[in-house]
Amino acid sequence: MEEENNQNVNIQVEEEEINTEDVAVDAYNRIDALVELLIKKGIITEQEIDDMEDALLEEFEGEEEGNSSEASPKSSEHEHSESCGCGHQ
């Protein structure tokens, strides 16, 4: 009898409209919280974050100018620190 009741139950799922701005804001908030936690735990420093942001901006600007091969360093060429964790020395 219980199986019959379960079969007759209709679960209606409403479609949720997802817009790009909401996704971007959510991603930003999650990244910001993660960065703050990593800094608080001493895994990375604020300076390392600033340096990485600068490198990404330079890479992005280089790609816009069509000089991505000159402006974007290879992943193995970034500056390293003991806490960077990339595995390169």
C-alpha atoms as a PDB file:
ATOM      1  CA  MET A   1       0.000   0.000   0.000  1.00  0.00           C
ATOM      2  CA  GLU A   2       2.797   2.408   0.872  1.00  0.00           C
ATOM      3  CA  GLU A   3       4.445   1.666  -2.469  1.00  0.00           C
ATOM      4  CA  GLU A   4       1.252   2.707  -4.271  1.00  0.00           C
ATOM      5  CA  ASN A   5       1.200   6.020  -2.401  1.00  0.00           C
ATOM      6  CA  ASN A   6       4.825   6.691  -3.283  1.00  0.00           C
ATOM      7  CA  GLN A   7       4.115   6.026  -6.962  1.00  0.00           C
ATOM      8  CA  ASN A   8       1.193   8.444  -6.977  1.00  0.00           C
ATOM      9  CA  VAL A   9       3.076  11.335  -5.457  1.00  0.00           C
ATOM     10  CA  ASN A  10       4.009  13.930  -8.020  1.00  0.00           C
ATOM     11  CA  ILE A  11       6.975  16.063  -7.111  1.00  0.00           C
ATOM     12  CA  GLN A  12       6.992  19.308  -8.962  1.00  0.00           C
ATOM     13  CA  VAL A  13      10.327  21.009  -9.433  1.00  0.00           C
ATOM     14  CA  GLU A  14      10.212  24.637 -10.374  1.00  0.00           C
ATOM     15  CA  GLU A  15      12.673  25.766 -12.991  1.00  0.00           C
ATOM     16  CA  GLU A  16      15.022  28.292 -11.534  1.00  0.00           C
ATOM     17  CA  GLU A  17      16.269  30.989 -13.847  1.00  0.00           C
ATOM     18  CA  ILE A  18      19.989  31.396 -13.494  1.00  0.00           C
ATOM     19  CA  ASN A  19      21.572  34.534 -14.801  1.00  0.00           C
ATOM     20  CA  THR A  20      25.248  35.117 -15.423  1.00  0.00           C
ATOM     21  CA  GLU A  21      25.534  38.002 -13.003  1.00  0.00           C
ATOM     22  CA  ASP A  22      24.263  35.854 -10.114  1.00  0.00           C
ATOM     23  CA  VAL A  23      26.730  33.102 -10.990  1.00  0.00           C
ATOM     24  CA  ALA A  24      29.602  35.598 -11.189  1.00  0.00           C
ATOM     25  CA  VAL A  25      28.722  37.209  -7.854  1.00  0.00           C
ATOM     26  CA  ASP A  26      28.422  33.822  -6.172  1.00  0.00           C
ATOM     27  CA  ALA A  27      31.778  32.702  -7.595  1.00  0.00           C
ATOM     28  CA  TYR A  28      33.425  35.960  -6.477  1.00  0.00           C
ATOM     29  CA  ASN A  29      32.068  35.583  -2.948  1.00  0.00           C
ATOM     30  CA  ARG A  30      33.260  31.981  -2.689  1.00  0.00           C
ATOM     31  CA  ILE A  31      36.727  32.830  -4.001  1.00  0.00           C
ATOM     32  CA  ASP A  32      37.000  35.808  -1.668  1.00  0.00           C
ATOM     33  CA  ALA A  33      36.076  33.646   1.329  1.00  0.00           C
ATOM     34  CA  LEU A  34      38.546  30.952   0.267  1.00  0.00           C
ATOM     35  CA  VAL A  35      41.376  33.484  -0.163  1.00  0.00           C
ATOM     36  CA  GLU A  36      40.658  34.984   3.254  1.00  0.00           C
ATOM     37  CA  LEU A  37      40.748  31.520   4.822  1.00  0.00           C
ATOM     38  CA  LEU A  38      44.032  30.620   3.105  1.00  0.00           C
ATOM     39  CA  ILE A  39      45.590  33.877   4.313  1.00  0.00           C
ATOM     40  CA  LYS A  40      44.247  33.386   7.835  1.00  0.00           C
ATOM     41  CA  LYS A  41      45.738  29.872   7.968  1.00  0.00           C
ATOM     42  CA  GLY A  42      49.080  31.180   6.723  1.00  0.00           C
ATOM     43  CA  ILE A  43      49.018  29.126   3.542  1.00  0.00           C
ATOM     44  CA  ILE A  44      49.388  32.167   1.292  1.00  0.00           C
ATOM     45  CA  THR A  45      50.051  35.850   1.877  1.00  0.00           C
ATOM     46  CA  GLU A  46      48.175  38.921   0.723  1.00  0.00           C
ATOM     47  CA  GLN A  47      51.256  39.838  -1.337  1.00  0.00           C
ATOM     48  CA  GLU A  48      51.138  36.489  -3.164  1.00  0.00           C
ATOM     49  CA  ILE A  49      47.497  37.113  -4.038  1.00  0.00           C
ATOM     50  CA  ASP A  50      48.302  40.632  -5.260  1.00  0.00           C
ATOM     51  CA  ASP A  51      51.190  39.318  -7.366  1.00  0.00           C
ATOM     52  CA  MET A  52      48.994  36.636  -8.914  1.00  0.00           C
ATOM     53  CA  GLU A  53      46.244  39.156  -9.696  1.00  0.00           C
ATOM     54  CA  ASP A  54      48.827  41.411 -11.379  1.00  0.00           C
ATOM     55  CA  ALA A  55      50.154  38.482 -13.439  1.00  0.00           C
ATOM     56  CA  LEU A  56      46.651  37.488 -14.511  1.00  0.00           C
ATOM     57  CA  LEU A  57      45.834  41.078 -15.490  1.00  0.00           C
ATOM     58  CA  GLU A  58      49.020  41.312 -17.557  1.00  0.00           C
ATOM     59  CA  GLU A  59      48.175  38.004 -19.233  1.00  0.00           C
ATOM     60  CA  PHE A  60      44.635  39.146 -19.992  1.00  0.00           C
ATOM     61  CA  GLU A  61      45.822  42.473 -21.383  1.00  0.00           C
ATOM     62  CA  GLY A  62      48.391  40.668 -23.525  1.00  0.00           C
ATOM     63  CA  GLU A  63      45.729  38.388 -24.950  1.00  0.00           C
ATOM     64  CA  GLU A  64      43.548  41.394 -25.798  1.00  0.00           C
ATOM     65  CA  GLU A  65      46.453  42.953 -27.697  1.00  0.00           C
ATOM     66  CA  GLY A  66      47.137  39.714 -29.541  1.00  0.00           C
ATOM     67  CA  ASN A  67      50.515  39.258 -27.868  1.00  0.00           C
ATOM     68  CA  SER A  68      49.528  36.392 -25.623  1.00  0.00           C
ATOM     69  CA  SER A  69      52.721  34.449 -26.331  1.00  0.00           C
ATOM     70  CA  GLU A  70      54.858  37.388 -25.145  1.00  0.00           C
ATOM     71  CA  ALA A  71      52.737  38.566 -22.220  1.00  0.00           C
ATOM     72  CA  SER A  72      51.562  35.299 -20.711  1.00  0.00           C
ATOM     73  CA  PRO A  73      54.165  33.357 -18.791  1.00  0.00           C
ATOM     74  CA  LYS A  74      54.043  29.578 -18.941  1.00  0.00           C
ATOM     75  CA  SER A  75      52.638  28.017 -15.816  1.00  0.00           C
ATOM     76  CA  SER A  76      56.078  26.685 -14.889  1.00  0.00           C
ATOM     77  CA  GLU A  77      57.638  30.162 -15.092  1.00  0.00           C
ATOM     78  CA  HIS A  78      55.685  31.918 -12.322  1.00  0.00           C
ATOM     79  CA  GLU A  79      57.416  33.143  -9.183  1.00  0.00           C
ATOM     80  CA  HIS A  80      57.714  30.482  -6.519  1.00  0.00           C
ATOM     81  CA  SER A  81      57.716  30.575  -2.786  1.00  0.00           C
ATOM     82  CA  GLU A  82      57.897  27.830  -0.210  1.00  0.00           C
ATOM     83  CA  SER A  83      54.133  27.960   0.237  1.00  0.00           C
ATOM     84  CA  CYS A  84      53.159  28.205  -3.427  1.00  0.00           C
ATOM     85  CA  GLY A  85      52.456  24.464  -3.635  1.00  0.00           C
ATOM     86  CA  CYS A  86      52.815  24.147  -7.408  1.00  0.00           C
ATOM     87  CA  GLY A  87      55.638  21.616  -7.175  1.00  0.00           C
ATOM     88  CA  HIS A  88      58.115  23.684  -9.187  1.00  0.00           C
ATOM     89  CA  GLN A  89      61.359  24.880  -7.674  1.00  0.00           C
END
